Amino acid sequence: VHVEVPQNSNIVKCHEQIDLCEKLLYEKLDIS
């Protein structure tokens, strides 16, 4: 999936949030 973020976001922080989101989706819905 493509996720939209403000272009002035902190890239490192945004990447961390994406990792957390992927992990949460796997734990919650059993989907990679």
Full PDB file with SEQRES, HELIX, SHEET, SSBOND, CRYST1, ORIGX, SCALE, CONECT and MASTER records, all heavy atoms in Angstrom:
SEQRES   1 A   32  VAL HIS VAL GLU VAL PRO GLN ASN SER ASN ILE VAL LYS          
SEQRES   2 A   32  CYS HIS GLU GLN ILE ASP LEU CYS GLU LYS LEU LEU TYR          
SEQRES   3 A   32  GLU LYS LEU ASP ILE SER                                      
HELIX    1 AA1 ILE A   11  LEU A   29  1                                  19    
CRYST1    1.000    1.000    1.000  90.00  90.00  90.00 P 1           1          
ORIGX1      1.000000  0.000000  0.000000        0.00000                         
ORIGX2      0.000000  1.000000  0.000000        0.00000                         
ORIGX3      0.000000  0.000000  1.000000        0.00000                         
SCALE1      1.000000  0.000000  0.000000        0.00000                         
SCALE2      0.000000  1.000000  0.000000        0.00000                         
SCALE3      0.000000  0.000000  1.000000        0.00000                         
ATOM      1  N   VAL A   1       0.837  -1.184   0.000  1.00  0.00           N  
ATOM      2  CA  VAL A   1       0.000   0.000   0.000  1.00  0.00           C  
ATOM      3  C   VAL A   1       0.879   1.244   0.000  1.00  0.00           C  
ATOM      4  O   VAL A   1       2.003   1.213   0.520  1.00  0.00           O  
ATOM      5  CB  VAL A   1      -0.939   0.002   1.238  1.00  0.00           C  
ATOM      6  CG1 VAL A   1      -0.135   0.083   2.531  1.00  0.00           C  
ATOM      7  CG2 VAL A   1      -1.958   1.127   1.164  1.00  0.00           C  
ATOM      8  N   HIS A   2       0.396   2.303  -0.617  1.00  0.00           N  
ATOM      9  CA  HIS A   2       1.087   3.589  -0.605  1.00  0.00           C  
ATOM     10  C   HIS A   2       0.449   4.475   0.464  1.00  0.00           C  
ATOM     11  O   HIS A   2      -0.774   4.614   0.509  1.00  0.00           O  
ATOM     12  CB  HIS A   2       0.981   4.275  -1.966  1.00  0.00           C  
ATOM     13  CG  HIS A   2       1.783   3.603  -3.029  1.00  0.00           C  
ATOM     14  ND1 HIS A   2       2.403   4.301  -4.046  1.00  0.00           N  
ATOM     15  CD2 HIS A   2       2.082   2.298  -3.252  1.00  0.00           C  
ATOM     16  CE1 HIS A   2       3.044   3.453  -4.841  1.00  0.00           C  
ATOM     17  NE2 HIS A   2       2.848   2.231  -4.375  1.00  0.00           N  
ATOM     18  N   VAL A   3       1.285   5.064   1.303  1.00  0.00           N  
ATOM     19  CA  VAL A   3       0.811   5.942   2.379  1.00  0.00           C  
ATOM     20  C   VAL A   3       1.303   7.361   2.126  1.00  0.00           C  
ATOM     21  O   VAL A   3       2.495   7.573   1.875  1.00  0.00           O  
ATOM     22  CB  VAL A   3       1.312   5.437   3.754  1.00  0.00           C  
ATOM     23  CG1 VAL A   3       0.981   6.448   4.836  1.00  0.00           C  
ATOM     24  CG2 VAL A   3       0.693   4.092   4.075  1.00  0.00           C  
ATOM     25  N   GLU A   4       0.387   8.306   2.166  1.00  0.00           N  
ATOM     26  CA  GLU A   4       0.735   9.704   1.934  1.00  0.00           C  
ATOM     27  C   GLU A   4       1.153  10.384   3.232  1.00  0.00           C  
ATOM     28  O   GLU A   4       0.494  10.210   4.261  1.00  0.00           O  
ATOM     29  CB  GLU A   4      -0.458  10.439   1.323  1.00  0.00           C  
ATOM     30  CG  GLU A   4      -0.875   9.878  -0.036  1.00  0.00           C  
ATOM     31  CD  GLU A   4      -2.156  10.503  -0.544  1.00  0.00           C  
ATOM     32  OE1 GLU A   4      -2.795  11.256   0.217  1.00  0.00           O  
ATOM     33  OE2 GLU A   4      -2.531  10.231  -1.704  1.00  0.00           O  
ATOM     34  N   VAL A   5       2.259  11.136   3.162  1.00  0.00           N  
ATOM     35  CA  VAL A   5       2.762  11.891   4.312  1.00  0.00           C  
ATOM     36  C   VAL A   5       3.120  13.302   3.854  1.00  0.00           C  
ATOM     37  O   VAL A   5       3.431  13.517   2.665  1.00  0.00           O  
ATOM     38  CB  VAL A   5       4.000  11.202   4.931  1.00  0.00           C  
ATOM     39  CG1 VAL A   5       3.665   9.808   5.423  1.00  0.00           C  
ATOM     40  CG2 VAL A   5       5.152  11.154   3.927  1.00  0.00           C  
ATOM     41  N   PRO A   6       3.054  14.282   4.725  1.00  0.00           N  
ATOM     42  CA  PRO A   6       3.481  15.637   4.347  1.00  0.00           C  
ATOM     43  C   PRO A   6       4.932  15.629   3.874  1.00  0.00           C  
ATOM     44  O   PRO A   6       5.781  14.951   4.475  1.00  0.00           O  
ATOM     45  CB  PRO A   6       3.320  16.439   5.640  1.00  0.00           C  
ATOM     46  CG  PRO A   6       2.298  15.677   6.428  1.00  0.00           C  
ATOM     47  CD  PRO A   6       2.532  14.240   6.112  1.00  0.00           C  
ATOM     48  N   GLN A   7       5.224  16.364   2.815  1.00  0.00           N  
ATOM     49  CA  GLN A   7       6.563  16.298   2.226  1.00  0.00           C  
ATOM     50  C   GLN A   7       7.644  16.905   3.125  1.00  0.00           C  
ATOM     51  O   GLN A   7       8.829  16.640   2.918  1.00  0.00           O  
ATOM     52  CB  GLN A   7       6.573  16.992   0.864  1.00  0.00           C  
ATOM     53  CG  GLN A   7       6.332  18.494   0.911  1.00  0.00           C  
ATOM     54  CD  GLN A   7       6.371  19.114  -0.480  1.00  0.00           C  
ATOM     55  OE1 GLN A   7       6.239  18.421  -1.484  1.00  0.00           O  
ATOM     56  NE2 GLN A   7       6.565  20.426  -0.542  1.00  0.00           N  
ATOM     57  N   ASN A   8       7.247  17.692   4.118  1.00  0.00           N  
ATOM     58  CA  ASN A   8       8.243  18.255   5.036  1.00  0.00           C  
ATOM     59  C   ASN A   8       8.424  17.394   6.287  1.00  0.00           C  
ATOM     60  O   ASN A   8       9.027  17.838   7.269  1.00  0.00           O  
ATOM     61  CB  ASN A   8       7.849  19.688   5.429  1.00  0.00           C  
ATOM     62  CG  ASN A   8       6.467  19.751   6.082  1.00  0.00           C  
ATOM     63  OD1 ASN A   8       5.757  18.752   6.122  1.00  0.00           O  
ATOM     64  ND2 ASN A   8       6.102  20.923   6.587  1.00  0.00           N  
ATOM     65  N   SER A   9       7.915  16.152   6.261  1.00  0.00           N  
ATOM     66  CA  SER A   9       8.049  15.257   7.428  1.00  0.00           C  
ATOM     67  C   SER A   9       9.496  14.833   7.613  1.00  0.00           C  
ATOM     68  O   SER A   9      10.292  14.778   6.653  1.00  0.00           O  
ATOM     69  CB  SER A   9       7.181  14.005   7.243  1.00  0.00           C  
ATOM     70  OG  SER A   9       5.823  14.334   7.146  1.00  0.00           O  
ATOM     71  N   ASN A  10       9.818  14.506   8.851  1.00  0.00           N  
ATOM     72  CA  ASN A  10      11.138  13.953   9.154  1.00  0.00           C  
ATOM     73  C   ASN A  10      11.198  12.529   8.600  1.00  0.00           C  
ATOM     74  O   ASN A  10      10.434  11.658   9.010  1.00  0.00           O  
ATOM     75  CB  ASN A  10      11.358  13.947  10.672  1.00  0.00           C  
ATOM     76  CG  ASN A  10      12.744  13.455  11.044  1.00  0.00           C  
ATOM     77  OD1 ASN A  10      13.083  12.312  10.818  1.00  0.00           O  
ATOM     78  ND2 ASN A  10      13.536  14.347  11.640  1.00  0.00           N  
ATOM     79  N   ILE A  11      12.099  12.292   7.663  1.00  0.00           N  
ATOM     80  CA  ILE A  11      12.144  11.002   6.961  1.00  0.00           C  
ATOM     81  C   ILE A  11      12.422   9.851   7.928  1.00  0.00           C  
ATOM     82  O   ILE A  11      11.801   8.792   7.850  1.00  0.00           O  
ATOM     83  CB  ILE A  11      13.215  11.038   5.847  1.00  0.00           C  
ATOM     84  CG1 ILE A  11      12.818  12.047   4.768  1.00  0.00           C  
ATOM     85  CG2 ILE A  11      13.385   9.658   5.228  1.00  0.00           C  
ATOM     86  CD1 ILE A  11      13.809  12.183   3.649  1.00  0.00           C  
ATOM     87  N   VAL A  12      13.354  10.055   8.841  1.00  0.00           N  
ATOM     88  CA  VAL A  12      13.717   8.989   9.785  1.00  0.00           C  
ATOM     89  C   VAL A  12      12.523   8.634  10.675  1.00  0.00           C  
ATOM     90  O   VAL A  12      12.187   7.457  10.864  1.00  0.00           O  
ATOM     91  CB  VAL A  12      14.920   9.415  10.647  1.00  0.00           C  
ATOM     92  CG1 VAL A  12      15.202   8.355  11.709  1.00  0.00           C  
ATOM     93  CG2 VAL A  12      16.155   9.630   9.768  1.00  0.00           C  
ATOM     94  N   LYS A  13      11.859   9.654  11.194  1.00  0.00           N  
ATOM     95  CA  LYS A  13      10.699   9.414  12.054  1.00  0.00           C  
ATOM     96  C   LYS A  13       9.575   8.747  11.269  1.00  0.00           C  
ATOM     97  O   LYS A  13       8.899   7.836  11.769  1.00  0.00           O  
ATOM     98  CB  LYS A  13      10.211  10.733  12.653  1.00  0.00           C  
ATOM     99  CG  LYS A  13       9.043  10.555  13.608  1.00  0.00           C  
ATOM    100  CD  LYS A  13       8.572  11.893  14.178  1.00  0.00           C  
ATOM    101  CE  LYS A  13       7.366  11.687  15.095  1.00  0.00           C  
ATOM    102  NZ  LYS A  13       6.855  12.980  15.639  1.00  0.00           N  
ATOM    103  N   CYS A  14       9.397   9.202  10.036  1.00  0.00           N  
ATOM    104  CA  CYS A  14       8.342   8.640   9.199  1.00  0.00           C  
ATOM    105  C   CYS A  14       8.613   7.160   8.909  1.00  0.00           C  
ATOM    106  O   CYS A  14       7.703   6.337   8.927  1.00  0.00           O  
ATOM    107  CB  CYS A  14       8.266   9.418   7.894  1.00  0.00           C  
ATOM    108  SG  CYS A  14       6.684   9.273   7.072  1.00  0.00           S  
ATOM    109  N   HIS A  15       9.861   6.837   8.668  1.00  0.00           N  
ATOM    110  CA  HIS A  15      10.235   5.444   8.414  1.00  0.00           C  
ATOM    111  C   HIS A  15       9.980   4.583   9.645  1.00  0.00           C  
ATOM    112  O   HIS A  15       9.525   3.432   9.533  1.00  0.00           O  
ATOM    113  CB  HIS A  15      11.712   5.374   8.002  1.00  0.00           C  
ATOM    114  CG  HIS A  15      12.168   4.000   7.626  1.00  0.00           C  
ATOM    115  ND1 HIS A  15      12.713   3.126   8.534  1.00  0.00           N  
ATOM    116  CD2 HIS A  15      12.127   3.349   6.434  1.00  0.00           C  
ATOM    117  CE1 HIS A  15      13.013   1.999   7.931  1.00  0.00           C  
ATOM    118  NE2 HIS A  15      12.665   2.100   6.652  1.00  0.00           N  
ATOM    119  N   GLU A  16      10.260   5.128  10.814  1.00  0.00           N  
ATOM    120  CA  GLU A  16       9.996   4.394  12.060  1.00  0.00           C  
ATOM    121  C   GLU A  16       8.510   4.112  12.218  1.00  0.00           C  
ATOM    122  O   GLU A  16       8.108   3.003  12.621  1.00  0.00           O  
ATOM    123  CB  GLU A  16      10.507   5.203  13.255  1.00  0.00           C  
ATOM    124  CG  GLU A  16      12.024   5.279  13.355  1.00  0.00           C  
ATOM    125  CD  GLU A  16      12.468   6.174  14.500  1.00  0.00           C  
ATOM    126  OE1 GLU A  16      11.592   6.855  15.082  1.00  0.00           O  
ATOM    127  OE2 GLU A  16      13.683   6.207  14.788  1.00  0.00           O  
ATOM    128  N   GLN A  17       7.671   5.103  11.886  1.00  0.00           N  
ATOM    129  CA  GLN A  17       6.222   4.923  11.995  1.00  0.00           C  
ATOM    130  C   GLN A  17       5.711   3.879  11.006  1.00  0.00           C  
ATOM    131  O   GLN A  17       4.809   3.099  11.315  1.00  0.00           O  
ATOM    132  CB  GLN A  17       5.514   6.263  11.757  1.00  0.00           C  
ATOM    133  CG  GLN A  17       5.769   7.306  12.839  1.00  0.00           C  
ATOM    134  CD  GLN A  17       5.295   6.833  14.211  1.00  0.00           C  
ATOM    135  OE1 GLN A  17       4.130   6.507  14.398  1.00  0.00           O  
ATOM    136  NE2 GLN A  17       6.204   6.795  15.162  1.00  0.00           N  
ATOM    137  N   ILE A  18       6.304   3.843   9.826  1.00  0.00           N  
ATOM    138  CA  ILE A  18       5.915   2.841   8.828  1.00  0.00           C  
ATOM    139  C   ILE A  18       6.271   1.439   9.314  1.00  0.00           C  
ATOM    140  O   ILE A  18       5.477   0.503   9.186  1.00  0.00           O  
ATOM    141  CB  ILE A  18       6.594   3.147   7.474  1.00  0.00           C  
ATOM    142  CG1 ILE A  18       5.907   4.341   6.815  1.00  0.00           C  
ATOM    143  CG2 ILE A  18       6.556   1.930   6.550  1.00  0.00           C  
ATOM    144  CD1 ILE A  18       6.547   4.795   5.532  1.00  0.00           C  
ATOM    145  N   ASP A  19       7.448   1.288   9.908  1.00  0.00           N  
ATOM    146  CA  ASP A  19       7.841  -0.008  10.470  1.00  0.00           C  
ATOM    147  C   ASP A  19       6.875  -0.453  11.561  1.00  0.00           C  
ATOM    148  O   ASP A  19       6.471  -1.628  11.619  1.00  0.00           O  
ATOM    149  CB  ASP A  19       9.261   0.061  11.039  1.00  0.00           C  
ATOM    150  CG  ASP A  19      10.326   0.038   9.952  1.00  0.00           C  
ATOM    151  OD1 ASP A  19       9.983  -0.331   8.807  1.00  0.00           O  
ATOM    152  OD2 ASP A  19      11.482   0.381  10.241  1.00  0.00           O  
ATOM    153  N   LEU A  20       6.503   0.491  12.424  1.00  0.00           N  
ATOM    154  CA  LEU A  20       5.556   0.175  13.503  1.00  0.00           C  
ATOM    155  C   LEU A  20       4.191  -0.213  12.934  1.00  0.00           C  
ATOM    156  O   LEU A  20       3.536  -1.133  13.435  1.00  0.00           O  
ATOM    157  CB  LEU A  20       5.414   1.378  14.446  1.00  0.00           C  
ATOM    158  CG  LEU A  20       6.606   1.683  15.358  1.00  0.00           C  
ATOM    159  CD1 LEU A  20       6.367   3.002  16.113  1.00  0.00           C  
ATOM    160  CD2 LEU A  20       6.826   0.544  16.353  1.00  0.00           C  
ATOM    161  N   CYS A  21       3.777   0.485  11.892  1.00  0.00           N  
ATOM    162  CA  CYS A  21       2.481   0.209  11.270  1.00  0.00           C  
ATOM    163  C   CYS A  21       2.476  -1.178  10.631  1.00  0.00           C  
ATOM    164  O   CYS A  21       1.502  -1.930  10.779  1.00  0.00           O  
ATOM    165  CB  CYS A  21       2.174   1.279  10.235  1.00  0.00           C  
ATOM    166  SG  CYS A  21       0.521   1.146   9.519  1.00  0.00           S  
ATOM    167  N   GLU A  22       3.538  -1.529   9.941  1.00  0.00           N  
ATOM    168  CA  GLU A  22       3.633  -2.859   9.326  1.00  0.00           C  
ATOM    169  C   GLU A  22       3.579  -3.945  10.386  1.00  0.00           C  
ATOM    170  O   GLU A  22       2.904  -4.976  10.212  1.00  0.00           O  
ATOM    171  CB  GLU A  22       4.935  -2.972   8.520  1.00  0.00           C  
ATOM    172  CG  GLU A  22       4.956  -2.119   7.263  1.00  0.00           C  
ATOM    173  CD  GLU A  22       6.301  -2.131   6.569  1.00  0.00           C  
ATOM    174  OE1 GLU A  22       7.310  -2.531   7.213  1.00  0.00           O  
ATOM    175  OE2 GLU A  22       6.367  -1.734   5.389  1.00  0.00           O  
ATOM    176  N   LYS A  23       4.266  -3.716  11.498  1.00  0.00           N  
ATOM    177  CA  LYS A  23       4.273  -4.693  12.597  1.00  0.00           C  
ATOM    178  C   LYS A  23       2.876  -4.820  13.214  1.00  0.00           C  
ATOM    179  O   LYS A  23       2.403  -5.935  13.504  1.00  0.00           O  
ATOM    180  CB  LYS A  23       5.282  -4.266  13.656  1.00  0.00           C  
ATOM    181  CG  LYS A  23       5.510  -5.271  14.782  1.00  0.00           C  
ATOM    182  CD  LYS A  23       6.658  -4.815  15.688  1.00  0.00           C  
ATOM    183  CE  LYS A  23       6.975  -5.849  16.763  1.00  0.00           C  
ATOM    184  NZ  LYS A  23       5.874  -6.034  17.713  1.00  0.00           N  
ATOM    185  N   LEU A  24       2.196  -3.681  13.393  1.00  0.00           N  
ATOM    186  CA  LEU A  24       0.853  -3.690  13.980  1.00  0.00           C  
ATOM    187  C   LEU A  24      -0.139  -4.416  13.074  1.00  0.00           C  
ATOM    188  O   LEU A  24      -0.987  -5.190  13.557  1.00  0.00           O  
ATOM    189  CB  LEU A  24       0.389  -2.253  14.219  1.00  0.00           C  
ATOM    190  CG  LEU A  24      -1.012  -2.083  14.832  1.00  0.00           C  
ATOM    191  CD1 LEU A  24      -1.094  -2.763  16.195  1.00  0.00           C  
ATOM    192  CD2 LEU A  24      -1.361  -0.599  14.964  1.00  0.00           C  
ATOM    193  N   LEU A  25      -0.041  -4.201  11.770  1.00  0.00           N  
ATOM    194  CA  LEU A  25      -0.931  -4.872  10.828  1.00  0.00           C  
ATOM    195  C   LEU A  25      -0.751  -6.385  10.870  1.00  0.00           C  
ATOM    196  O   LEU A  25      -1.726  -7.143  10.787  1.00  0.00           O  
ATOM    197  CB  LEU A  25      -0.685  -4.358   9.407  1.00  0.00           C  
ATOM    198  CG  LEU A  25      -1.210  -2.955   9.102  1.00  0.00           C  
ATOM    199  CD1 LEU A  25      -0.631  -2.441   7.792  1.00  0.00           C  
ATOM    200  CD2 LEU A  25      -2.736  -2.956   9.036  1.00  0.00           C  
ATOM    201  N   TYR A  26       0.489  -6.827  11.015  1.00  0.00           N  
ATOM    202  CA  TYR A  26       0.749  -8.266  11.079  1.00  0.00           C  
ATOM    203  C   TYR A  26       0.188  -8.870  12.366  1.00  0.00           C  
ATOM    204  O   TYR A  26      -0.436  -9.940  12.346  1.00  0.00           O  
ATOM    205  CB  TYR A  26       2.250  -8.544  10.981  1.00  0.00           C  
ATOM    206  CG  TYR A  26       2.575 -10.013  10.963  1.00  0.00           C  
ATOM    207  CD1 TYR A  26       2.419 -10.762   9.796  1.00  0.00           C  
ATOM    208  CD2 TYR A  26       3.022 -10.662  12.118  1.00  0.00           C  
ATOM    209  CE1 TYR A  26       2.707 -12.112   9.779  1.00  0.00           C  
ATOM    210  CE2 TYR A  26       3.300 -12.019  12.107  1.00  0.00           C  
ATOM    211  CZ  TYR A  26       3.150 -12.740  10.936  1.00  0.00           C  
ATOM    212  OH  TYR A  26       3.416 -14.089  10.930  1.00  0.00           O  
ATOM    213  N   GLU A  27       0.397  -8.173  13.477  1.00  0.00           N  
ATOM    214  CA  GLU A  27      -0.088  -8.686  14.759  1.00  0.00           C  
ATOM    215  C   GLU A  27      -1.612  -8.663  14.845  1.00  0.00           C  
ATOM    216  O   GLU A  27      -2.229  -9.566  15.411  1.00  0.00           O  
ATOM    217  CB  GLU A  27       0.504  -7.851  15.900  1.00  0.00           C  
ATOM    218  CG  GLU A  27       2.013  -8.006  16.063  1.00  0.00           C  
ATOM    219  CD  GLU A  27       2.577  -7.051  17.094  1.00  0.00           C  
ATOM    220  OE1 GLU A  27       1.832  -6.139  17.524  1.00  0.00           O  
ATOM    221  OE2 GLU A  27       3.756  -7.222  17.479  1.00  0.00           O  
ATOM    222  N   LYS A  28      -2.210  -7.631  14.266  1.00  0.00           N  
ATOM    223  CA  LYS A  28      -3.661  -7.448  14.378  1.00  0.00           C  
ATOM    224  C   LYS A  28      -4.436  -8.270  13.357  1.00  0.00           C  
ATOM    225  O   LYS A  28      -5.477  -8.864  13.686  1.00  0.00           O  
ATOM    226  CB  LYS A  28      -3.978  -5.958  14.204  1.00  0.00           C  
ATOM    227  CG  LYS A  28      -5.438  -5.590  14.372  1.00  0.00           C  
ATOM    228  CD  LYS A  28      -5.629  -4.083  14.197  1.00  0.00           C  
ATOM    229  CE  LYS A  28      -7.096  -3.686  14.290  1.00  0.00           C  
ATOM    230  NZ  LYS A  28      -7.289  -2.225  14.104  1.00  0.00           N  
ATOM    231  N   LEU A  29      -3.933  -8.319  12.109  1.00  0.00           N  
ATOM    232  CA  LEU A  29      -4.693  -8.938  11.022  1.00  0.00           C  
ATOM    233  C   LEU A  29      -4.010 -10.165  10.424  1.00  0.00           C  
ATOM    234  O   LEU A  29      -4.551 -10.781   9.504  1.00  0.00           O  
ATOM    235  CB  LEU A  29      -4.939  -7.906   9.908  1.00  0.00           C  
ATOM    236  CG  LEU A  29      -5.643  -6.610  10.338  1.00  0.00           C  
ATOM    237  CD1 LEU A  29      -5.698  -5.631   9.166  1.00  0.00           C  
ATOM    238  CD2 LEU A  29      -7.054  -6.919  10.834  1.00  0.00           C  
ATOM    239  N   ASP A  30      -2.830 -10.519  10.923  1.00  0.00           N  
ATOM    240  CA  ASP A  30      -2.080 -11.667  10.411  1.00  0.00           C  
ATOM    241  C   ASP A  30      -1.821 -11.529   8.909  1.00  0.00           C  
ATOM    242  O   ASP A  30      -2.023 -12.452   8.127  1.00  0.00           O  
ATOM    243  CB  ASP A  30      -2.836 -12.972  10.702  1.00  0.00           C  
ATOM    244  CG  ASP A  30      -1.953 -14.197  10.491  1.00  0.00           C  
ATOM    245  OD1 ASP A  30      -0.733 -14.072  10.661  1.00  0.00           O  
ATOM    246  OD2 ASP A  30      -2.494 -15.265  10.136  1.00  0.00           O  
ATOM    247  N   ILE A  31      -1.393 -10.339   8.508  1.00  0.00           N  
ATOM    248  CA  ILE A  31      -1.103 -10.085   7.105  1.00  0.00           C  
ATOM    249  C   ILE A  31       0.196  -9.294   6.996  1.00  0.00           C  
ATOM    250  O   ILE A  31       0.415  -8.324   7.716  1.00  0.00           O  
ATOM    251  CB  ILE A  31      -2.276  -9.321   6.442  1.00  0.00           C  
ATOM    252  CG1 ILE A  31      -1.978  -9.040   4.976  1.00  0.00           C  
ATOM    253  CG2 ILE A  31      -2.601  -8.037   7.169  1.00  0.00           C  
ATOM    254  CD1 ILE A  31      -3.182  -8.514   4.223  1.00  0.00           C  
ATOM    255  N   SER A  32       1.081  -9.737   6.110  1.00  0.00           N  
ATOM    256  CA  SER A  32       2.365  -9.062   5.904  1.00  0.00           C  
ATOM    257  C   SER A  32       2.172  -7.927   4.899  1.00  0.00           C  
ATOM    258  O   SER A  32       1.772  -8.173   3.750  1.00  0.00           O  
ATOM    259  CB  SER A  32       3.408 -10.044   5.386  1.00  0.00           C  
ATOM    260  OG  SER A  32       3.638 -11.073   6.333  1.00  0.00           O  
TER     261      SER A  32                                                      
MASTER        0    0    0    1    0    0    0    6  260    1    0    3          
END                                                                             
